[in-house]
């Protein structure tokens, strides 16, 4: 007696699903392990006692450079590490009064190309590798400076510095 005609497609579908599960489980485990490594690094470095970016002695360019040094040993997926850059930059900027800087650089900060020339200068000086990954990291860090300044309320002192 022949099996019913619907039995074969069911077996094929089960084989496909089993194959997908066999491929998905190792990938998911690898991604989870990478995320755990990253979270451990993030927790240890951001919660470390007196990290260099919270001492208040760095100017905004110094904050960017500190963030770029922070990301170099970052374990895990590059995307996770890049997402941590703004946090480091913001914590550094919060460590000192940046109102004068934000007011003075207001127009430059509003341009989408803010930091591009500085990143190119870092590449030319050999402080930054001329790779797409390093240029992206630099751009993300400078964008974080601009976003931080944009998020700060404009104080009377800032408005006076802007000539308003």
C-alpha atoms as a PDB file:
ATOM      1  CA  UNK A   1       0.000   0.000   0.000  1.00  0.00           C
ATOM      2  CA  UNK A   2       1.348   3.407  -0.979  1.00  0.00           C
ATOM      3  CA  UNK A   3       1.651   6.123   1.701  1.00  0.00           C
ATOM      4  CA  UNK A   4      -0.803   8.955   1.439  1.00  0.00           C
ATOM      5  CA  UNK A   5       0.414  11.657  -0.984  1.00  0.00           C
ATOM      6  CA  UNK A   6       0.713  14.297   1.793  1.00  0.00           C
ATOM      7  CA  UNK A   7       3.268  12.352   3.850  1.00  0.00           C
ATOM      8  CA  UNK A   8       6.247  13.257   1.634  1.00  0.00           C
ATOM      9  CA  UNK A   9       5.851  17.038   1.811  1.00  0.00           C
ATOM     10  CA  UNK A  10       5.508  16.782   5.595  1.00  0.00           C
ATOM     11  CA  UNK A  11       8.768  14.845   5.874  1.00  0.00           C
ATOM     12  CA  UNK A  12      10.524  17.361   3.636  1.00  0.00           C
ATOM     13  CA  UNK A  13       9.252  20.242   5.726  1.00  0.00           C
ATOM     14  CA  UNK A  14      10.449  18.526   8.916  1.00  0.00           C
ATOM     15  CA  UNK A  15      13.888  17.958   7.375  1.00  0.00           C
ATOM     16  CA  UNK A  16      14.123  21.611   6.387  1.00  0.00           C
ATOM     17  CA  UNK A  17      13.080  22.775   9.851  1.00  0.00           C
ATOM     18  CA  UNK A  18      15.561  20.405  11.496  1.00  0.00           C
ATOM     19  CA  UNK A  19      18.317  21.687   9.207  1.00  0.00           C
ATOM     20  CA  UNK A  20      17.485  25.284  10.094  1.00  0.00           C
ATOM     21  CA  UNK A  21      17.546  24.466  13.799  1.00  0.00           C
ATOM     22  CA  UNK A  22      20.945  22.787  13.449  1.00  0.00           C
ATOM     23  CA  UNK A  23      22.312  25.925  11.764  1.00  0.00           C
ATOM     24  CA  UNK A  24      20.577  28.451  14.012  1.00  0.00           C
ATOM     25  CA  UNK A  25      21.513  27.082  17.429  1.00  0.00           C
ATOM     26  CA  UNK A  26      25.320  27.473  17.030  1.00  0.00           C
ATOM     27  CA  UNK A  27      24.894  30.955  15.554  1.00  0.00           C
ATOM     28  CA  UNK A  28      22.608  32.009  18.402  1.00  0.00           C
ATOM     29  CA  UNK A  29      25.033  30.581  20.970  1.00  0.00           C
ATOM     30  CA  UNK A  30      27.935  32.446  19.374  1.00  0.00           C
ATOM     31  CA  UNK A  31      26.006  35.717  19.317  1.00  0.00           C
ATOM     32  CA  UNK A  32      24.934  35.275  22.951  1.00  0.00           C
ATOM     33  CA  UNK A  33      28.506  34.514  24.043  1.00  0.00           C
ATOM     34  CA  UNK A  34      29.751  37.578  22.194  1.00  0.00           C
ATOM     35  CA  UNK A  35      27.097  39.729  23.848  1.00  0.00           C
ATOM     36  CA  UNK A  36      28.011  38.403  27.307  1.00  0.00           C
ATOM     37  CA  UNK A  37      31.687  39.223  26.683  1.00  0.00           C
ATOM     38  CA  UNK A  38      30.751  42.728  25.559  1.00  0.00           C
ATOM     39  CA  UNK A  39      28.469  43.333  28.568  1.00  0.00           C
ATOM     40  CA  UNK A  40      31.233  42.178  30.888  1.00  0.00           C
ATOM     41  CA  UNK A  41      33.697  44.573  29.251  1.00  0.00           C
ATOM     42  CA  UNK A  42      31.161  47.399  29.336  1.00  0.00           C
ATOM     43  CA  UNK A  43      30.369  46.828  33.012  1.00  0.00           C
ATOM     44  CA  UNK A  44      34.030  46.567  34.039  1.00  0.00           C
ATOM     45  CA  UNK A  45      35.247  49.575  32.062  1.00  0.00           C
ATOM     46  CA  UNK A  46      32.345  51.953  32.613  1.00  0.00           C
ATOM     47  CA  UNK A  47      32.017  51.147  36.289  1.00  0.00           C
ATOM     48  CA  UNK A  48      35.760  51.109  36.933  1.00  0.00           C
ATOM     49  CA  UNK A  49      36.896  53.462  39.684  1.00  0.00           C
ATOM     50  CA  UNK A  50      38.003  56.759  38.178  1.00  0.00           C
ATOM     51  CA  UNK A  51      38.245  55.906  34.461  1.00  0.00           C
ATOM     52  CA  UNK A  52      40.263  58.472  32.487  1.00  0.00           C
ATOM     53  CA  UNK A  53      37.235  59.908  30.715  1.00  0.00           C
ATOM     54  CA  UNK A  54      35.473  60.910  33.957  1.00  0.00           C
ATOM     55  CA  UNK A  55      38.247  62.992  35.482  1.00  0.00           C
ATOM     56  CA  UNK A  56      37.049  66.193  33.805  1.00  0.00           C
ATOM     57  CA  UNK A  57      40.466  67.048  32.404  1.00  0.00           C
ATOM     58  CA  UNK A  58      39.769  66.113  28.796  1.00  0.00           C
ATOM     59  CA  UNK A  59      38.459  68.507  26.195  1.00  0.00           C
ATOM     60  CA  UNK A  60      35.838  67.140  23.756  1.00  0.00           C
ATOM     61  CA  UNK A  61      38.538  65.979  21.310  1.00  0.00           C
ATOM     62  CA  UNK A  62      40.193  64.215  24.234  1.00  0.00           C
ATOM     63  CA  UNK A  63      36.872  62.555  25.042  1.00  0.00           C
ATOM     64  CA  UNK A  64      36.691  61.234  21.488  1.00  0.00           C
ATOM     65  CA  UNK A  65      40.265  59.956  21.682  1.00  0.00           C
ATOM     66  CA  UNK A  66      39.518  58.262  25.029  1.00  0.00           C
ATOM     67  CA  UNK A  67      36.467  56.580  23.493  1.00  0.00           C
ATOM     68  CA  UNK A  68      38.530  55.409  20.519  1.00  0.00           C
ATOM     69  CA  UNK A  69      41.102  53.931  22.927  1.00  0.00           C
ATOM     70  CA  UNK A  70      38.243  52.303  24.887  1.00  0.00           C
ATOM     71  CA  UNK A  71      36.886  50.502  21.822  1.00  0.00           C
ATOM     72  CA  UNK A  72      40.204  48.988  20.701  1.00  0.00           C
ATOM     73  CA  UNK A  73      40.251  46.065  23.179  1.00  0.00           C
ATOM     74  CA  UNK A  74      36.458  45.705  23.130  1.00  0.00           C
ATOM     75  CA  UNK A  75      35.531  42.036  22.764  1.00  0.00           C
ATOM     76  CA  UNK A  76      32.514  40.805  20.933  1.00  0.00           C
ATOM     77  CA  UNK A  77      30.747  41.940  17.822  1.00  0.00           C
ATOM     78  CA  UNK A  78      31.935  45.210  16.302  1.00  0.00           C
ATOM     79  CA  UNK A  79      28.380  46.553  16.174  1.00  0.00           C
ATOM     80  CA  UNK A  80      27.971  46.129  19.936  1.00  0.00           C
ATOM     81  CA  UNK A  81      31.259  47.900  20.598  1.00  0.00           C
ATOM     82  CA  UNK A  82      30.362  50.779  18.276  1.00  0.00           C
ATOM     83  CA  UNK A  83      27.079  51.213  20.130  1.00  0.00           C
ATOM     84  CA  UNK A  84      29.061  51.699  23.339  1.00  0.00           C
ATOM     85  CA  UNK A  85      31.092  54.613  21.954  1.00  0.00           C
ATOM     86  CA  UNK A  86      28.458  57.319  22.585  1.00  0.00           C
ATOM     87  CA  UNK A  87      28.137  56.191  26.204  1.00  0.00           C
ATOM     88  CA  UNK A  88      31.860  56.679  26.807  1.00  0.00           C
ATOM     89  CA  UNK A  89      31.851  60.063  25.039  1.00  0.00           C
ATOM     90  CA  UNK A  90      28.776  61.244  26.954  1.00  0.00           C
ATOM     91  CA  UNK A  91      30.213  60.211  30.322  1.00  0.00           C
ATOM     92  CA  UNK A  92      33.396  62.072  29.501  1.00  0.00           C
ATOM     93  CA  UNK A  93      31.517  65.199  28.457  1.00  0.00           C
ATOM     94  CA  UNK A  94      29.417  65.088  31.639  1.00  0.00           C
ATOM     95  CA  UNK A  95      32.565  65.233  33.772  1.00  0.00           C
ATOM     96  CA  UNK A  96      33.108  68.957  33.106  1.00  0.00           C
ATOM     97  CA  UNK A  97      31.217  72.093  32.132  1.00  0.00           C
ATOM     98  CA  UNK A  98      30.900  71.980  28.346  1.00  0.00           C
ATOM     99  CA  UNK A  99      28.511  74.928  27.966  1.00  0.00           C
ATOM    100  CA  UNK A 100      31.216  77.243  26.582  1.00  0.00           C
ATOM    101  CA  UNK A 101      32.338  74.619  24.070  1.00  0.00           C
ATOM    102  CA  UNK A 102      28.778  73.810  22.971  1.00  0.00           C
ATOM    103  CA  UNK A 103      27.948  77.505  22.560  1.00  0.00           C
ATOM    104  CA  UNK A 104      31.159  78.298  20.682  1.00  0.00           C
ATOM    105  CA  UNK A 105      30.843  75.301  18.354  1.00  0.00           C
ATOM    106  CA  UNK A 106      27.046  75.419  17.942  1.00  0.00           C
ATOM    107  CA  UNK A 107      27.115  76.018  14.162  1.00  0.00           C
ATOM    108  CA  UNK A 108      29.816  73.412  13.523  1.00  0.00           C
ATOM    109  CA  UNK A 109      27.998  70.869  15.681  1.00  0.00           C
ATOM    110  CA  UNK A 110      24.814  71.304  13.653  1.00  0.00           C
ATOM    111  CA  UNK A 111      26.516  70.208  10.420  1.00  0.00           C
ATOM    112  CA  UNK A 112      26.354  66.518   9.583  1.00  0.00           C
ATOM    113  CA  UNK A 113      30.053  66.616   8.702  1.00  0.00           C
ATOM    114  CA  UNK A 114      31.109  67.667  12.205  1.00  0.00           C
ATOM    115  CA  UNK A 115      34.335  65.864  13.118  1.00  0.00           C
ATOM    116  CA  UNK A 116      35.072  64.656   9.583  1.00  0.00           C
ATOM    117  CA  UNK A 117      38.092  66.925   9.127  1.00  0.00           C
ATOM    118  CA  UNK A 118      39.418  65.984  12.545  1.00  0.00           C
ATOM    119  CA  UNK A 119      39.071  62.272  11.758  1.00  0.00           C
ATOM    120  CA  UNK A 120      40.885  62.810   8.454  1.00  0.00           C
ATOM    121  CA  UNK A 121      43.650  64.669  10.317  1.00  0.00           C
ATOM    122  CA  UNK A 122      43.970  61.709  12.716  1.00  0.00           C
ATOM    123  CA  UNK A 123      44.361  59.389   9.721  1.00  0.00           C
ATOM    124  CA  UNK A 124      46.929  61.682   8.089  1.00  0.00           C
ATOM    125  CA  UNK A 125      48.914  61.929  11.337  1.00  0.00           C
ATOM    126  CA  UNK A 126      48.898  58.153  11.757  1.00  0.00           C
ATOM    127  CA  UNK A 127      46.891  58.235  14.999  1.00  0.00           C
ATOM    128  CA  UNK A 128      44.024  56.430  13.311  1.00  0.00           C
ATOM    129  CA  UNK A 129      44.231  53.571  10.822  1.00  0.00           C
ATOM    130  CA  UNK A 130      42.902  54.409   7.392  1.00  0.00           C
ATOM    131  CA  UNK A 131      40.266  51.708   7.415  1.00  0.00           C
ATOM    132  CA  UNK A 132      36.547  52.049   7.046  1.00  0.00           C
ATOM    133  CA  UNK A 133      35.992  50.582  10.521  1.00  0.00           C
ATOM    134  CA  UNK A 134      38.256  53.154  12.214  1.00  0.00           C
ATOM    135  CA  UNK A 135      36.788  56.062  10.252  1.00  0.00           C
ATOM    136  CA  UNK A 136      33.276  54.920  11.230  1.00  0.00           C
ATOM    137  CA  UNK A 137      34.266  54.720  14.881  1.00  0.00           C
ATOM    138  CA  UNK A 138      35.723  58.225  14.753  1.00  0.00           C
ATOM    139  CA  UNK A 139      32.605  59.608  13.064  1.00  0.00           C
ATOM    140  CA  UNK A 140      30.331  57.938  15.631  1.00  0.00           C
ATOM    141  CA  UNK A 141      32.347  59.424  18.487  1.00  0.00           C
ATOM    142  CA  UNK A 142      32.214  62.969  17.049  1.00  0.00           C
ATOM    143  CA  UNK A 143      28.500  62.568  16.312  1.00  0.00           C
ATOM    144  CA  UNK A 144      28.080  61.674  20.006  1.00  0.00           C
ATOM    145  CA  UNK A 145      29.712  65.007  20.955  1.00  0.00           C
ATOM    146  CA  UNK A 146      27.272  66.869  18.706  1.00  0.00           C
ATOM    147  CA  UNK A 147      24.278  64.938  20.049  1.00  0.00           C
ATOM    148  CA  UNK A 148      25.351  65.575  23.628  1.00  0.00           C
ATOM    149  CA  UNK A 149      25.604  69.324  23.037  1.00  0.00           C
ATOM    150  CA  UNK A 150      22.266  69.374  21.216  1.00  0.00           C
ATOM    151  CA  UNK A 151      20.613  67.630  24.160  1.00  0.00           C
ATOM    152  CA  UNK A 152      21.893  70.173  26.700  1.00  0.00           C
ATOM    153  CA  UNK A 153      19.528  72.986  27.609  1.00  0.00           C
ATOM    154  CA  UNK A 154      20.686  76.380  26.461  1.00  0.00           C
ATOM    155  CA  UNK A 155      21.610  78.397  29.510  1.00  0.00           C
ATOM    156  CA  UNK A 156      21.653  82.177  29.737  1.00  0.00           C
ATOM    157  CA  UNK A 157      25.459  82.073  29.536  1.00  0.00           C
ATOM    158  CA  UNK A 158      25.303  80.052  26.312  1.00  0.00           C
ATOM    159  CA  UNK A 159      22.780  82.440  24.758  1.00  0.00           C
ATOM    160  CA  UNK A 160      25.026  85.382  25.692  1.00  0.00           C
ATOM    161  CA  UNK A 161      28.041  83.643  24.095  1.00  0.00           C
ATOM    162  CA  UNK A 162      25.974  83.045  20.952  1.00  0.00           C
ATOM    163  CA  UNK A 163      25.119  86.745  20.808  1.00  0.00           C
ATOM    164  CA  UNK A 164      21.415  86.392  21.550  1.00  0.00           C
END
